[in-house]
Amino acid sequence: MGILYVVPTPVGNLEDITMRALRLLREADFILAEDTRTSGKLLKHFDIQVSMYSHHKFNEHKTVGSLAERIRSCEHHVALVSDAGTPAISDPGFMLVRECVRNGVEVQCLPGATAFVPALVSSGLPCDKFVFEGFLPQKKGRQTRLAKLKDEDRTIIFYESPYRVLKTLTQLAEAFGPQREAAAVREISKLHEECVRGTLAELVEHFTKHEPRGEFVLLVGSSLCPEAEGEAEE
């Protein structure tokens, strides 16, 4: 029986990849990639010559069954990668992992790069307890979700694109209160990595003056923090 290896890839600096990840990518029978063009650059950089096949959010629901069966019956060792970070964390991968588990296929996930962990630690916000929300719903259910998170007593983590950062920070300030402590971390492990810390109101002011660029991790402090005075009324 084959094995599915879930292989994290760098979110920025290519040196962040592990030696084990490189070995397993070289030894894989084939690689499932979110975008073969993006992963192709990584493989070329490390001189890895293994066949790749597309596995992304638009086709995964159609292919997971046949892929899991292929891994189970043909003793293939398959590596699953996303464009950056750990597959299945706000990226394709969960459906294949679930199908492999259901079919008795061994799944091994390597430790490695993911954007929210370094963002959380560098933010200065409490990191002993936190909740990862990923991307908020873009339209339907967005305000409902924010209302449910208003009284969350753990640090809250969101992913966001640069095109919606200012809008999201504004909505967070309206939902949680402008004085809630927060941080916005962008371009993790890249040349222009930056962590902007302050209240939600201060972050809104900052990104009103400075155009958001790069992929963002937004972090909001606990509702129980002393700094959370003056929060929006229910």
C-alpha atoms as a PDB file:
ATOM      1  CA  MET A   1       0.000   0.000   0.000  1.00  0.00           C
ATOM      2  CA  GLY A   2       1.225   3.470  -0.837  1.00  0.00           C
ATOM      3  CA  ILE A   3       1.628   6.523   1.353  1.00  0.00           C
ATOM      4  CA  LEU A   4       0.408  10.079   0.960  1.00  0.00           C
ATOM      5  CA  TYR A   5       2.989  12.576   2.174  1.00  0.00           C
ATOM      6  CA  VAL A   6       1.652  16.060   2.900  1.00  0.00           C
ATOM      7  CA  VAL A   7       4.678  18.277   2.311  1.00  0.00           C
ATOM      8  CA  PRO A   8       4.797  21.915   3.474  1.00  0.00           C
ATOM      9  CA  THR A   9       6.663  24.270   1.159  1.00  0.00           C
ATOM     10  CA  PRO A  10       8.161  27.694   1.956  1.00  0.00           C
ATOM     11  CA  VAL A  11       5.845  30.679   2.305  1.00  0.00           C
ATOM     12  CA  GLY A  12       8.749  32.954   1.405  1.00  0.00           C
ATOM     13  CA  ASN A  13      12.441  32.172   1.697  1.00  0.00           C
ATOM     14  CA  LEU A  14      13.232  28.906  -0.094  1.00  0.00           C
ATOM     15  CA  GLU A  15      15.733  28.026   2.631  1.00  0.00           C
ATOM     16  CA  ASP A  16      12.777  27.362   4.945  1.00  0.00           C
ATOM     17  CA  ILE A  17      12.139  23.966   3.354  1.00  0.00           C
ATOM     18  CA  THR A  18      13.329  20.971   5.368  1.00  0.00           C
ATOM     19  CA  MET A  19      15.837  18.364   4.272  1.00  0.00           C
ATOM     20  CA  ARG A  20      13.221  15.648   4.764  1.00  0.00           C
ATOM     21  CA  ALA A  21      10.762  17.496   2.532  1.00  0.00           C
ATOM     22  CA  LEU A  22      13.357  17.697  -0.241  1.00  0.00           C
ATOM     23  CA  ARG A  23      14.161  13.990   0.092  1.00  0.00           C
ATOM     24  CA  LEU A  24      10.531  12.927  -0.076  1.00  0.00           C
ATOM     25  CA  LEU A  25       9.838  15.172  -3.066  1.00  0.00           C
ATOM     26  CA  ARG A  26      12.772  13.524  -4.874  1.00  0.00           C
ATOM     27  CA  GLU A  27      11.631  10.018  -3.921  1.00  0.00           C
ATOM     28  CA  ALA A  28       7.920  10.475  -4.732  1.00  0.00           C
ATOM     29  CA  ASP A  29       6.387   8.539  -7.615  1.00  0.00           C
ATOM     30  CA  PHE A  30       4.566  11.749  -8.488  1.00  0.00           C
ATOM     31  CA  ILE A  31       3.674  15.097  -6.949  1.00  0.00           C
ATOM     32  CA  LEU A  32       0.198  16.597  -6.638  1.00  0.00           C
ATOM     33  CA  ALA A  33       0.497  20.383  -6.854  1.00  0.00           C
ATOM     34  CA  GLU A  34      -1.999  23.209  -6.407  1.00  0.00           C
ATOM     35  CA  ASP A  35      -0.346  25.007  -9.338  1.00  0.00           C
ATOM     36  CA  THR A  36       2.268  23.084 -11.290  1.00  0.00           C
ATOM     37  CA  ARG A  37       3.817  26.333 -12.545  1.00  0.00           C
ATOM     38  CA  THR A  38       4.419  27.617  -9.026  1.00  0.00           C
ATOM     39  CA  SER A  39       5.669  24.283  -7.710  1.00  0.00           C
ATOM     40  CA  GLY A  40       7.737  23.855 -10.852  1.00  0.00           C
ATOM     41  CA  LYS A  41       9.875  26.831  -9.836  1.00  0.00           C
ATOM     42  CA  LEU A  42      10.532  25.213  -6.453  1.00  0.00           C
ATOM     43  CA  LEU A  43      11.440  21.858  -7.998  1.00  0.00           C
ATOM     44  CA  LYS A  44      13.702  23.504 -10.554  1.00  0.00           C
ATOM     45  CA  HIS A  45      15.502  25.460  -7.841  1.00  0.00           C
ATOM     46  CA  PHE A  46      16.329  22.238  -5.988  1.00  0.00           C
ATOM     47  CA  ASP A  47      16.867  20.189  -9.173  1.00  0.00           C
ATOM     48  CA  ILE A  48      14.000  17.795  -8.462  1.00  0.00           C
ATOM     49  CA  GLN A  49      12.740  15.989 -11.542  1.00  0.00           C
ATOM     50  CA  VAL A  50       9.485  14.264 -10.629  1.00  0.00           C
ATOM     51  CA  SER A  51       6.215  14.290 -12.576  1.00  0.00           C
ATOM     52  CA  MET A  52       3.561  16.697 -11.297  1.00  0.00           C
ATOM     53  CA  TYR A  53      -0.213  16.680 -11.638  1.00  0.00           C
ATOM     54  CA  SER A  54      -2.660  19.472 -10.830  1.00  0.00           C
ATOM     55  CA  HIS A  55      -4.660  19.104  -7.630  1.00  0.00           C
ATOM     56  CA  HIS A  56      -6.584  22.255  -6.780  1.00  0.00           C
ATOM     57  CA  LYS A  57      -9.905  23.444  -5.389  1.00  0.00           C
ATOM     58  CA  PHE A  58     -11.581  23.284  -8.807  1.00  0.00           C
ATOM     59  CA  ASN A  59     -10.883  19.604  -9.473  1.00  0.00           C
ATOM     60  CA  GLU A  60     -10.160  17.946  -6.123  1.00  0.00           C
ATOM     61  CA  HIS A  61     -13.762  16.900  -5.446  1.00  0.00           C
ATOM     62  CA  LYS A  62     -13.771  14.973  -8.744  1.00  0.00           C
ATOM     63  CA  THR A  63     -10.409  13.232  -8.363  1.00  0.00           C
ATOM     64  CA  VAL A  64      -9.916  12.347  -4.699  1.00  0.00           C
ATOM     65  CA  GLY A  65     -11.642   8.984  -5.009  1.00  0.00           C
ATOM     66  CA  SER A  66      -9.511   7.747  -7.895  1.00  0.00           C
ATOM     67  CA  LEU A  67      -6.345   9.189  -6.396  1.00  0.00           C
ATOM     68  CA  ALA A  68      -6.894   7.496  -3.044  1.00  0.00           C
ATOM     69  CA  GLU A  69      -7.569   4.187  -4.785  1.00  0.00           C
ATOM     70  CA  ARG A  70      -4.490   4.589  -6.956  1.00  0.00           C
ATOM     71  CA  ILE A  71      -2.296   5.211  -3.918  1.00  0.00           C
ATOM     72  CA  ARG A  72      -3.860   2.306  -2.046  1.00  0.00           C
ATOM     73  CA  SER A  73      -3.661  -0.296  -4.773  1.00  0.00           C
ATOM     74  CA  CYS A  74      -0.464   0.572  -6.614  1.00  0.00           C
ATOM     75  CA  GLU A  75       1.877   1.204  -3.687  1.00  0.00           C
ATOM     76  CA  HIS A  76       2.642   4.705  -4.891  1.00  0.00           C
ATOM     77  CA  HIS A  77       4.356   7.162  -2.603  1.00  0.00           C
ATOM     78  CA  VAL A  78       2.749  10.494  -3.433  1.00  0.00           C
ATOM     79  CA  ALA A  79       3.696  13.981  -2.282  1.00  0.00           C
ATOM     80  CA  LEU A  80       0.985  16.623  -1.938  1.00  0.00           C
ATOM     81  CA  VAL A  81       2.044  20.288  -2.025  1.00  0.00           C
ATOM     82  CA  SER A  82       0.271  23.623  -2.226  1.00  0.00           C
ATOM     83  CA  ASP A  83       1.637  26.874  -3.621  1.00  0.00           C
ATOM     84  CA  ALA A  84       3.059  27.813  -0.223  1.00  0.00           C
ATOM     85  CA  GLY A  85       2.747  26.554   3.332  1.00  0.00           C
ATOM     86  CA  THR A  86       1.041  23.401   4.547  1.00  0.00           C
ATOM     87  CA  PRO A  87      -1.601  21.819   2.284  1.00  0.00           C
ATOM     88  CA  ALA A  88      -5.163  21.751   3.698  1.00  0.00           C
ATOM     89  CA  ILE A  89      -4.561  24.886   5.818  1.00  0.00           C
ATOM     90  CA  SER A  90      -6.638  27.387   3.791  1.00  0.00           C
ATOM     91  CA  ASP A  91      -5.397  25.456   0.750  1.00  0.00           C
ATOM     92  CA  PRO A  92      -6.489  22.330  -1.150  1.00  0.00           C
ATOM     93  CA  GLY A  93      -5.647  19.017   0.468  1.00  0.00           C
ATOM     94  CA  PHE A  94      -8.217  18.198   3.136  1.00  0.00           C
ATOM     95  CA  MET A  95     -10.506  16.275   0.805  1.00  0.00           C
ATOM     96  CA  LEU A  96      -7.709  14.003  -0.390  1.00  0.00           C
ATOM     97  CA  VAL A  97      -6.417  13.410   3.131  1.00  0.00           C
ATOM     98  CA  ARG A  98      -9.926  12.513   4.302  1.00  0.00           C
ATOM     99  CA  GLU A  99     -10.476  10.129   1.391  1.00  0.00           C
ATOM    100  CA  CYS A 100      -7.142   8.411   1.982  1.00  0.00           C
ATOM    101  CA  VAL A 101      -7.947   7.978   5.668  1.00  0.00           C
ATOM    102  CA  ARG A 102     -11.343   6.502   4.783  1.00  0.00           C
ATOM    103  CA  ASN A 103      -9.644   4.033   2.435  1.00  0.00           C
ATOM    104  CA  GLY A 104      -6.993   2.961   4.912  1.00  0.00           C
ATOM    105  CA  VAL A 105      -4.157   4.736   3.131  1.00  0.00           C
ATOM    106  CA  GLU A 106      -1.361   5.913   5.403  1.00  0.00           C
ATOM    107  CA  VAL A 107      -1.072   9.707   5.573  1.00  0.00           C
ATOM    108  CA  GLN A 108       2.011  11.440   6.925  1.00  0.00           C
ATOM    109  CA  CYS A 109       2.114  15.225   7.274  1.00  0.00           C
ATOM    110  CA  LEU A 110       5.576  16.705   7.635  1.00  0.00           C
ATOM    111  CA  PRO A 111       6.154  19.582  10.041  1.00  0.00           C
ATOM    112  CA  GLY A 112       7.059  22.734   8.211  1.00  0.00           C
ATOM    113  CA  ALA A 113       6.123  26.147   6.947  1.00  0.00           C
ATOM    114  CA  THR A 114       2.751  27.720   7.596  1.00  0.00           C
ATOM    115  CA  ALA A 115       2.101  31.449   7.662  1.00  0.00           C
ATOM    116  CA  PHE A 116       0.077  31.915  10.831  1.00  0.00           C
ATOM    117  CA  VAL A 117       2.570  30.462  13.343  1.00  0.00           C
ATOM    118  CA  PRO A 118       5.422  32.958  12.802  1.00  0.00           C
ATOM    119  CA  ALA A 119       2.840  35.749  12.496  1.00  0.00           C
ATOM    120  CA  LEU A 120       1.315  34.801  15.849  1.00  0.00           C
ATOM    121  CA  VAL A 121       4.635  34.570  17.659  1.00  0.00           C
ATOM    122  CA  SER A 122       6.022  37.823  16.235  1.00  0.00           C
ATOM    123  CA  SER A 123       2.795  39.765  16.840  1.00  0.00           C
ATOM    124  CA  GLY A 124       3.409  40.099  20.572  1.00  0.00           C
ATOM    125  CA  LEU A 125      -0.160  39.009  21.268  1.00  0.00           C
ATOM    126  CA  PRO A 126      -0.772  36.070  23.632  1.00  0.00           C
ATOM    127  CA  CYS A 127      -0.005  32.826  21.828  1.00  0.00           C
ATOM    128  CA  ASP A 128      -0.698  30.269  24.560  1.00  0.00           C
ATOM    129  CA  LYS A 129      -4.289  30.009  23.316  1.00  0.00           C
ATOM    130  CA  PHE A 130      -5.550  31.027  19.892  1.00  0.00           C
ATOM    131  CA  VAL A 131      -8.206  30.289  17.290  1.00  0.00           C
ATOM    132  CA  PHE A 132      -7.449  30.092  13.569  1.00  0.00           C
ATOM    133  CA  GLU A 133     -10.277  31.389  11.374  1.00  0.00           C
ATOM    134  CA  GLY A 134      -8.504  31.456   8.005  1.00  0.00           C
ATOM    135  CA  PHE A 135     -10.358  33.553   5.425  1.00  0.00           C
ATOM    136  CA  LEU A 136     -13.639  35.124   6.497  1.00  0.00           C
ATOM    137  CA  PRO A 137     -16.653  34.582   4.227  1.00  0.00           C
ATOM    138  CA  GLN A 138     -16.457  37.263   1.558  1.00  0.00           C
ATOM    139  CA  LYS A 139     -20.181  38.060   1.609  1.00  0.00           C
ATOM    140  CA  LYS A 140     -22.869  35.842   3.102  1.00  0.00           C
ATOM    141  CA  GLY A 141     -22.260  35.001   6.750  1.00  0.00           C
ATOM    142  CA  ARG A 142     -19.404  37.473   7.251  1.00  0.00           C
ATOM    143  CA  GLN A 143     -21.120  39.727   9.785  1.00  0.00           C
ATOM    144  CA  THR A 144     -22.630  36.749  11.570  1.00  0.00           C
ATOM    145  CA  ARG A 145     -19.189  35.208  11.949  1.00  0.00           C
ATOM    146  CA  LEU A 146     -17.710  38.432  13.304  1.00  0.00           C
ATOM    147  CA  ALA A 147     -20.554  38.754  15.810  1.00  0.00           C
ATOM    148  CA  LYS A 148     -19.823  35.251  17.119  1.00  0.00           C
ATOM    149  CA  LEU A 149     -16.134  36.080  17.526  1.00  0.00           C
ATOM    150  CA  LYS A 150     -16.641  39.392  19.328  1.00  0.00           C
ATOM    151  CA  ASP A 151     -16.288  37.924  22.816  1.00  0.00           C
ATOM    152  CA  GLU A 152     -13.603  35.373  21.928  1.00  0.00           C
ATOM    153  CA  ASP A 153     -11.076  35.216  24.792  1.00  0.00           C
ATOM    154  CA  ARG A 154      -8.271  33.789  22.659  1.00  0.00           C
ATOM    155  CA  THR A 155      -6.115  35.512  20.058  1.00  0.00           C
ATOM    156  CA  ILE A 156      -7.938  35.305  16.716  1.00  0.00           C
ATOM    157  CA  ILE A 157      -6.066  34.703  13.465  1.00  0.00           C
ATOM    158  CA  PHE A 158      -7.310  35.546   9.980  1.00  0.00           C
ATOM    159  CA  TYR A 159      -5.822  35.295   6.498  1.00  0.00           C
ATOM    160  CA  GLU A 160      -6.528  38.126   4.082  1.00  0.00           C
ATOM    161  CA  SER A 161      -5.544  39.343   0.629  1.00  0.00           C
ATOM    162  CA  PRO A 162      -4.076  42.850   0.217  1.00  0.00           C
ATOM    163  CA  TYR A 163      -7.188  43.916  -1.700  1.00  0.00           C
ATOM    164  CA  ARG A 164      -9.479  43.374   1.309  1.00  0.00           C
ATOM    165  CA  VAL A 165      -7.169  44.185   4.227  1.00  0.00           C
ATOM    166  CA  LEU A 166      -8.436  47.708   4.863  1.00  0.00           C
ATOM    167  CA  LYS A 167     -12.080  46.665   4.524  1.00  0.00           C
ATOM    168  CA  THR A 168     -11.576  43.727   6.886  1.00  0.00           C
ATOM    169  CA  LEU A 169      -9.712  45.793   9.482  1.00  0.00           C
ATOM    170  CA  THR A 170     -12.501  48.386   9.371  1.00  0.00           C
ATOM    171  CA  GLN A 171     -15.123  45.695   9.897  1.00  0.00           C
ATOM    172  CA  LEU A 172     -13.098  44.150  12.739  1.00  0.00           C
ATOM    173  CA  ALA A 173     -12.910  47.551  14.437  1.00  0.00           C
ATOM    174  CA  GLU A 174     -16.670  47.975  14.071  1.00  0.00           C
ATOM    175  CA  ALA A 175     -17.403  44.480  15.386  1.00  0.00           C
ATOM    176  CA  PHE A 176     -14.810  44.195  18.160  1.00  0.00           C
ATOM    177  CA  GLY A 177     -14.199  47.834  19.055  1.00  0.00           C
ATOM    178  CA  PRO A 178     -11.526  50.199  17.731  1.00  0.00           C
ATOM    179  CA  GLN A 179      -9.297  49.848  20.807  1.00  0.00           C
ATOM    180  CA  ARG A 180      -8.848  46.063  20.543  1.00  0.00           C
ATOM    181  CA  GLU A 181      -5.163  45.162  20.283  1.00  0.00           C
ATOM    182  CA  ALA A 182      -4.186  43.709  16.925  1.00  0.00           C
ATOM    183  CA  ALA A 183      -1.368  43.085  14.481  1.00  0.00           C
ATOM    184  CA  ALA A 184      -1.065  42.817  10.713  1.00  0.00           C
ATOM    185  CA  VAL A 185       1.812  40.717   9.407  1.00  0.00           C
ATOM    186  CA  ARG A 186       2.635  40.642   5.714  1.00  0.00           C
ATOM    187  CA  GLU A 187       5.135  38.986   3.371  1.00  0.00           C
ATOM    188  CA  ILE A 188       6.275  36.446   5.967  1.00  0.00           C
ATOM    189  CA  SER A 189       9.800  35.156   5.357  1.00  0.00           C
ATOM    190  CA  LYS A 190      10.209  37.452   2.343  1.00  0.00           C
ATOM    191  CA  LEU A 191      12.384  40.498   1.706  1.00  0.00           C
ATOM    192  CA  HIS A 192       9.718  43.010   2.733  1.00  0.00           C
ATOM    193  CA  GLU A 193       8.330  41.184   5.772  1.00  0.00           C
ATOM    194  CA  GLU A 194       6.573  43.594   8.123  1.00  0.00           C
ATOM    195  CA  CYS A 195       4.577  43.428  11.344  1.00  0.00           C
ATOM    196  CA  VAL A 196       2.363  46.409  12.152  1.00  0.00           C
ATOM    197  CA  ARG A 197       1.148  46.393  15.764  1.00  0.00           C
ATOM    198  CA  GLY A 198      -1.401  48.574  17.532  1.00  0.00           C
ATOM    199  CA  THR A 199      -5.121  48.920  18.046  1.00  0.00           C
ATOM    200  CA  LEU A 200      -7.540  48.099  15.257  1.00  0.00           C
ATOM    201  CA  ALA A 201      -8.138  51.840  14.855  1.00  0.00           C
ATOM    202  CA  GLU A 202      -4.398  52.430  14.481  1.00  0.00           C
ATOM    203  CA  LEU A 203      -4.102  49.660  11.917  1.00  0.00           C
ATOM    204  CA  VAL A 204      -6.981  51.118   9.908  1.00  0.00           C
ATOM    205  CA  GLU A 205      -5.237  54.495   9.977  1.00  0.00           C
ATOM    206  CA  HIS A 206      -1.910  52.959   8.941  1.00  0.00           C
ATOM    207  CA  PHE A 207      -3.261  51.065   5.941  1.00  0.00           C
ATOM    208  CA  THR A 208      -5.373  54.029   4.884  1.00  0.00           C
ATOM    209  CA  LYS A 209      -2.101  55.903   4.462  1.00  0.00           C
ATOM    210  CA  HIS A 210      -0.001  52.976   3.237  1.00  0.00           C
ATOM    211  CA  GLU A 211      -1.343  50.752   0.474  1.00  0.00           C
ATOM    212  CA  PRO A 212      -1.474  47.113   1.633  1.00  0.00           C
ATOM    213  CA  ARG A 213       0.826  44.854  -0.377  1.00  0.00           C
ATOM    214  CA  GLY A 214       1.509  41.155  -0.122  1.00  0.00           C
ATOM    215  CA  GLU A 215      -0.401  38.379   1.604  1.00  0.00           C
ATOM    216  CA  PHE A 216      -1.541  39.194   5.153  1.00  0.00           C
ATOM    217  CA  VAL A 217      -2.103  37.485   8.464  1.00  0.00           C
ATOM    218  CA  LEU A 218      -4.361  39.562  10.729  1.00  0.00           C
ATOM    219  CA  LEU A 219      -4.362  38.915  14.468  1.00  0.00           C
ATOM    220  CA  VAL A 220      -6.791  40.282  17.034  1.00  0.00           C
ATOM    221  CA  GLY A 221      -6.212  40.147  20.775  1.00  0.00           C
ATOM    222  CA  SER A 222      -8.505  38.639  23.367  1.00  0.00           C
ATOM    223  CA  SER A 223     -11.667  40.420  24.401  1.00  0.00           C
ATOM    224  CA  LEU A 224     -10.426  40.006  27.991  1.00  0.00           C
ATOM    225  CA  CYS A 225      -7.253  42.060  27.467  1.00  0.00           C
ATOM    226  CA  PRO A 226      -7.166  45.295  29.496  1.00  0.00           C
ATOM    227  CA  GLU A 227      -6.594  47.197  26.262  1.00  0.00           C
ATOM    228  CA  ALA A 228      -9.973  46.053  24.958  1.00  0.00           C
ATOM    229  CA  GLU A 229     -11.831  48.845  26.750  1.00  0.00           C
ATOM    230  CA  GLY A 230     -14.286  50.791  24.680  1.00  0.00           C
ATOM    231  CA  GLU A 231     -15.352  47.889  22.519  1.00  0.00           C
ATOM    232  CA  ALA A 232     -18.420  48.159  20.334  1.00  0.00           C
ATOM    233  CA  GLU A 233     -21.667  47.768  22.169  1.00  0.00           C
ATOM    234  CA  GLU A 234     -23.749  44.703  21.445  1.00  0.00           C
END
